[in-house]
Amino acid sequence: GIASASCPCPVCGNAGRKVTAVTLDHHVPAQLRAAIGDDATFCLNPACEVVYCNPAGFVIRKGQTLLAVTQKDPGDEVRVCYCFDFTRGDLRGELAQRGKPDIPDQIKKGIADGRCDCERKNPQGACCLGNVAAAIKTISKEVNSHAKG
């Protein structure tokens, strides 16, 4: 079918990002998959517990997806890159040890090698590099504030 524009989140109103059936197939449990349909939007608002919504107002919330979602769950065990399995904890470890993680370069190399599968593997259905950069910023601040005592 023709992809329509993303629908606003019925809970927070965020415009969100359109996702495809491929993304939904990989992240939505079977019992919810039919209900959400193929016309769904990923809510990008980290303060909102909605992960996916459809134009009918059906929502899939944090905790209902098969994997924890970067934007919705701040835990260190949560992936920031789903194609190459990097977590927030991996970033934190590299920042603490080296001050600069090389994870973004590893991801870029993987992308260049054609080994990423963001549409299928990432719950947002798109490249993670923006999320990784944002996580590095956040964790750097945390690591630096701890370092100062």
C-alpha atoms as a PDB file:
ATOM      1  CA  GLY A   1       0.000   0.000   0.000  1.00  0.00           C
ATOM      2  CA  ILE A   2       0.916   3.658  -0.249  1.00  0.00           C
ATOM      3  CA  ALA A   3       2.584   4.891   2.934  1.00  0.00           C
ATOM      4  CA  SER A   4       0.530   7.694   4.417  1.00  0.00           C
ATOM      5  CA  ALA A   5       1.836  10.501   6.580  1.00  0.00           C
ATOM      6  CA  SER A   6       2.575   9.772  10.210  1.00  0.00           C
ATOM      7  CA  CYS A   7      -0.339  10.274  12.592  1.00  0.00           C
ATOM      8  CA  PRO A   8       0.132  12.268  15.796  1.00  0.00           C
ATOM      9  CA  CYS A   9       0.457  10.290  19.024  1.00  0.00           C
ATOM     10  CA  PRO A  10      -3.001  10.146  20.668  1.00  0.00           C
ATOM     11  CA  VAL A  11      -1.423  10.497  24.128  1.00  0.00           C
ATOM     12  CA  CYS A  12       1.153  13.297  23.745  1.00  0.00           C
ATOM     13  CA  GLY A  13       0.479  14.698  20.266  1.00  0.00           C
ATOM     14  CA  ASN A  14       4.045  14.170  19.006  1.00  0.00           C
ATOM     15  CA  ALA A  15       4.164  13.917  15.210  1.00  0.00           C
ATOM     16  CA  GLY A  16       6.447  10.897  15.408  1.00  0.00           C
ATOM     17  CA  ARG A  17       7.970   8.923  12.574  1.00  0.00           C
ATOM     18  CA  LYS A  18       6.213   6.584  10.160  1.00  0.00           C
ATOM     19  CA  VAL A  19       7.302   2.960  10.450  1.00  0.00           C
ATOM     20  CA  THR A  20       6.841   0.100   8.002  1.00  0.00           C
ATOM     21  CA  ALA A  21       5.314  -3.344   8.395  1.00  0.00           C
ATOM     22  CA  VAL A  22       8.877  -4.731   8.439  1.00  0.00           C
ATOM     23  CA  THR A  23       9.663  -2.748  11.600  1.00  0.00           C
ATOM     24  CA  LEU A  24       6.362  -3.677  13.244  1.00  0.00           C
ATOM     25  CA  ASP A  25       6.763  -7.375  12.378  1.00  0.00           C
ATOM     26  CA  HIS A  26      10.090  -7.421  14.183  1.00  0.00           C
ATOM     27  CA  HIS A  27       9.131  -5.456  17.321  1.00  0.00           C
ATOM     28  CA  VAL A  28       5.438  -6.009  18.036  1.00  0.00           C
ATOM     29  CA  PRO A  29       4.323  -9.260  19.726  1.00  0.00           C
ATOM     30  CA  ALA A  30       2.037 -11.445  17.616  1.00  0.00           C
ATOM     31  CA  GLN A  31      -1.062 -10.809  19.744  1.00  0.00           C
ATOM     32  CA  LEU A  32      -0.791  -7.027  19.142  1.00  0.00           C
ATOM     33  CA  ARG A  33       0.509  -7.115  15.581  1.00  0.00           C
ATOM     34  CA  ALA A  34      -2.885  -7.405  13.842  1.00  0.00           C
ATOM     35  CA  ALA A  35      -4.399  -4.697  16.038  1.00  0.00           C
ATOM     36  CA  ILE A  36      -1.794  -2.063  15.163  1.00  0.00           C
ATOM     37  CA  GLY A  37      -2.053  -2.814  11.424  1.00  0.00           C
ATOM     38  CA  ASP A  38       0.526  -1.723   8.862  1.00  0.00           C
ATOM     39  CA  ASP A  39      -0.110   2.029   9.093  1.00  0.00           C
ATOM     40  CA  ALA A  40       1.713   3.028  12.259  1.00  0.00           C
ATOM     41  CA  THR A  41       3.850   5.790  13.714  1.00  0.00           C
ATOM     42  CA  PHE A  42       6.716   5.623  16.206  1.00  0.00           C
ATOM     43  CA  CYS A  43       6.306   8.261  18.959  1.00  0.00           C
ATOM     44  CA  LEU A  44       9.660  10.016  19.357  1.00  0.00           C
ATOM     45  CA  ASN A  45       8.789  11.720  22.663  1.00  0.00           C
ATOM     46  CA  PRO A  46      10.930  10.131  25.423  1.00  0.00           C
ATOM     47  CA  ALA A  47       8.521  11.392  28.104  1.00  0.00           C
ATOM     48  CA  CYS A  48       5.592   9.504  26.519  1.00  0.00           C
ATOM     49  CA  GLU A  49       5.103   5.788  27.125  1.00  0.00           C
ATOM     50  CA  VAL A  50       3.578   5.212  23.682  1.00  0.00           C
ATOM     51  CA  VAL A  51       5.963   3.432  21.298  1.00  0.00           C
ATOM     52  CA  TYR A  52       3.659   2.890  18.287  1.00  0.00           C
ATOM     53  CA  CYS A  53       0.235   4.276  17.413  1.00  0.00           C
ATOM     54  CA  ASN A  54      -2.081   4.017  14.431  1.00  0.00           C
ATOM     55  CA  PRO A  55      -4.642   6.458  12.961  1.00  0.00           C
ATOM     56  CA  ALA A  56      -7.446   4.646  14.811  1.00  0.00           C
ATOM     57  CA  GLY A  57      -5.789   5.603  18.106  1.00  0.00           C
ATOM     58  CA  PHE A  58      -4.566   2.099  18.979  1.00  0.00           C
ATOM     59  CA  VAL A  59      -1.303   2.317  20.926  1.00  0.00           C
ATOM     60  CA  ILE A  60       1.507  -0.022  21.876  1.00  0.00           C
ATOM     61  CA  ARG A  61       3.219   1.187  25.016  1.00  0.00           C
ATOM     62  CA  LYS A  62       6.642   0.879  26.586  1.00  0.00           C
ATOM     63  CA  GLY A  63       7.010  -2.668  27.885  1.00  0.00           C
ATOM     64  CA  GLN A  64       4.714  -4.128  25.214  1.00  0.00           C
ATOM     65  CA  THR A  65       7.376  -4.274  22.499  1.00  0.00           C
ATOM     66  CA  LEU A  66       9.663  -7.275  22.129  1.00  0.00           C
ATOM     67  CA  LEU A  67      12.772  -5.221  22.966  1.00  0.00           C
ATOM     68  CA  ALA A  68      13.361  -2.223  25.205  1.00  0.00           C
ATOM     69  CA  VAL A  69      13.297   0.988  23.142  1.00  0.00           C
ATOM     70  CA  THR A  70      16.182   3.502  23.254  1.00  0.00           C
ATOM     71  CA  GLN A  71      13.972   6.604  23.450  1.00  0.00           C
ATOM     72  CA  LYS A  72      11.597   5.164  26.047  1.00  0.00           C
ATOM     73  CA  ASP A  73      13.872   3.380  28.489  1.00  0.00           C
ATOM     74  CA  PRO A  74      16.948   5.070  30.011  1.00  0.00           C
ATOM     75  CA  GLY A  75      18.455   1.829  31.369  1.00  0.00           C
ATOM     76  CA  ASP A  76      22.114   1.035  30.705  1.00  0.00           C
ATOM     77  CA  GLU A  77      21.163  -2.422  29.397  1.00  0.00           C
ATOM     78  CA  VAL A  78      19.011  -0.853  26.679  1.00  0.00           C
ATOM     79  CA  ARG A  79      20.433  -0.863  23.159  1.00  0.00           C
ATOM     80  CA  VAL A  80      21.292   2.396  21.437  1.00  0.00           C
ATOM     81  CA  CYS A  81      22.273   0.451  18.285  1.00  0.00           C
ATOM     82  CA  TYR A  82      20.161  -2.572  17.445  1.00  0.00           C
ATOM     83  CA  CYS A  83      22.075  -3.716  14.361  1.00  0.00           C
ATOM     84  CA  PHE A  84      25.396  -4.133  16.155  1.00  0.00           C
ATOM     85  CA  ASP A  85      24.122  -4.600  19.713  1.00  0.00           C
ATOM     86  CA  PHE A  86      25.633  -1.614  21.476  1.00  0.00           C
ATOM     87  CA  THR A  87      23.980  -0.570  24.748  1.00  0.00           C
ATOM     88  CA  ARG A  88      24.085   2.608  26.829  1.00  0.00           C
ATOM     89  CA  GLY A  89      26.312   0.682  29.225  1.00  0.00           C
ATOM     90  CA  ASP A  90      28.803   0.024  26.403  1.00  0.00           C
ATOM     91  CA  LEU A  91      28.941   3.770  25.704  1.00  0.00           C
ATOM     92  CA  ARG A  92      29.304   4.551  29.414  1.00  0.00           C
ATOM     93  CA  GLY A  93      32.181   2.071  29.736  1.00  0.00           C
ATOM     94  CA  GLU A  94      34.050   3.530  26.768  1.00  0.00           C
ATOM     95  CA  LEU A  95      33.497   7.098  27.972  1.00  0.00           C
ATOM     96  CA  ALA A  96      34.722   6.243  31.463  1.00  0.00           C
ATOM     97  CA  GLN A  97      37.810   4.433  30.151  1.00  0.00           C
ATOM     98  CA  ARG A  98      38.802   6.546  27.160  1.00  0.00           C
ATOM     99  CA  GLY A  99      36.787   9.733  27.311  1.00  0.00           C
ATOM    100  CA  LYS A 100      35.705   9.160  23.700  1.00  0.00           C
ATOM    101  CA  PRO A 101      33.837   6.092  22.485  1.00  0.00           C
ATOM    102  CA  ASP A 102      34.721   4.582  19.126  1.00  0.00           C
ATOM    103  CA  ILE A 103      31.296   2.916  18.940  1.00  0.00           C
ATOM    104  CA  PRO A 104      29.991   5.532  16.435  1.00  0.00           C
ATOM    105  CA  ASP A 105      32.940   4.723  14.144  1.00  0.00           C
ATOM    106  CA  GLN A 106      32.280   0.991  14.517  1.00  0.00           C
ATOM    107  CA  ILE A 107      28.629   1.602  13.570  1.00  0.00           C
ATOM    108  CA  LYS A 108      29.620   3.794  10.591  1.00  0.00           C
ATOM    109  CA  LYS A 109      31.998   1.064   9.414  1.00  0.00           C
ATOM    110  CA  GLY A 110      29.201  -1.508   9.719  1.00  0.00           C
ATOM    111  CA  ILE A 111      26.903   0.748   7.688  1.00  0.00           C
ATOM    112  CA  ALA A 112      29.623   1.247   5.056  1.00  0.00           C
ATOM    113  CA  ASP A 113      30.057  -2.537   4.891  1.00  0.00           C
ATOM    114  CA  GLY A 114      26.311  -2.889   4.294  1.00  0.00           C
ATOM    115  CA  ARG A 115      25.783  -4.831   7.518  1.00  0.00           C
ATOM    116  CA  CYS A 116      23.077  -2.692   9.107  1.00  0.00           C
ATOM    117  CA  ASP A 117      19.378  -3.575   8.959  1.00  0.00           C
ATOM    118  CA  CYS A 118      17.782  -0.582  10.680  1.00  0.00           C
ATOM    119  CA  GLU A 119      14.306  -0.914   9.188  1.00  0.00           C
ATOM    120  CA  ARG A 120      14.006  -4.394  10.666  1.00  0.00           C
ATOM    121  CA  LYS A 121      16.163  -4.242  13.778  1.00  0.00           C
ATOM    122  CA  ASN A 122      15.631  -0.735  15.170  1.00  0.00           C
ATOM    123  CA  PRO A 123      12.222  -0.071  16.792  1.00  0.00           C
ATOM    124  CA  GLN A 124      12.207   3.422  15.224  1.00  0.00           C
ATOM    125  CA  GLY A 125      12.763   1.813  11.810  1.00  0.00           C
ATOM    126  CA  ALA A 126      15.664   4.124  11.003  1.00  0.00           C
ATOM    127  CA  CYS A 127      19.378   4.656  11.596  1.00  0.00           C
ATOM    128  CA  CYS A 128      20.482   4.921  15.228  1.00  0.00           C
ATOM    129  CA  LEU A 129      23.404   7.332  14.841  1.00  0.00           C
ATOM    130  CA  GLY A 130      21.404  10.317  16.084  1.00  0.00           C
ATOM    131  CA  ASN A 131      20.333   8.331  19.165  1.00  0.00           C
ATOM    132  CA  VAL A 132      23.922   7.212  19.758  1.00  0.00           C
ATOM    133  CA  ALA A 133      25.187  10.814  19.545  1.00  0.00           C
ATOM    134  CA  ALA A 134      22.472  11.970  21.952  1.00  0.00           C
ATOM    135  CA  ALA A 135      23.284   9.147  24.392  1.00  0.00           C
ATOM    136  CA  ILE A 136      26.989  10.017  24.283  1.00  0.00           C
ATOM    137  CA  LYS A 137      26.159  13.654  25.141  1.00  0.00           C
ATOM    138  CA  THR A 138      23.944  12.624  28.061  1.00  0.00           C
ATOM    139  CA  ILE A 139      26.349  10.015  29.426  1.00  0.00           C
ATOM    140  CA  SER A 140      29.362  12.361  29.037  1.00  0.00           C
ATOM    141  CA  LYS A 141      27.631  14.860  31.293  1.00  0.00           C
ATOM    142  CA  GLU A 142      26.895  12.121  33.852  1.00  0.00           C
ATOM    143  CA  VAL A 143      30.434  10.700  33.712  1.00  0.00           C
ATOM    144  CA  ASN A 144      31.979  14.175  34.021  1.00  0.00           C
ATOM    145  CA  SER A 145      29.782  15.174  36.945  1.00  0.00           C
ATOM    146  CA  HIS A 146      30.724  11.957  38.783  1.00  0.00           C
ATOM    147  CA  ALA A 147      34.409  12.477  38.022  1.00  0.00           C
ATOM    148  CA  LYS A 148      34.340  15.899  39.687  1.00  0.00           C
ATOM    149  CA  GLY A 149      33.055  14.273  42.883  1.00  0.00           C
END
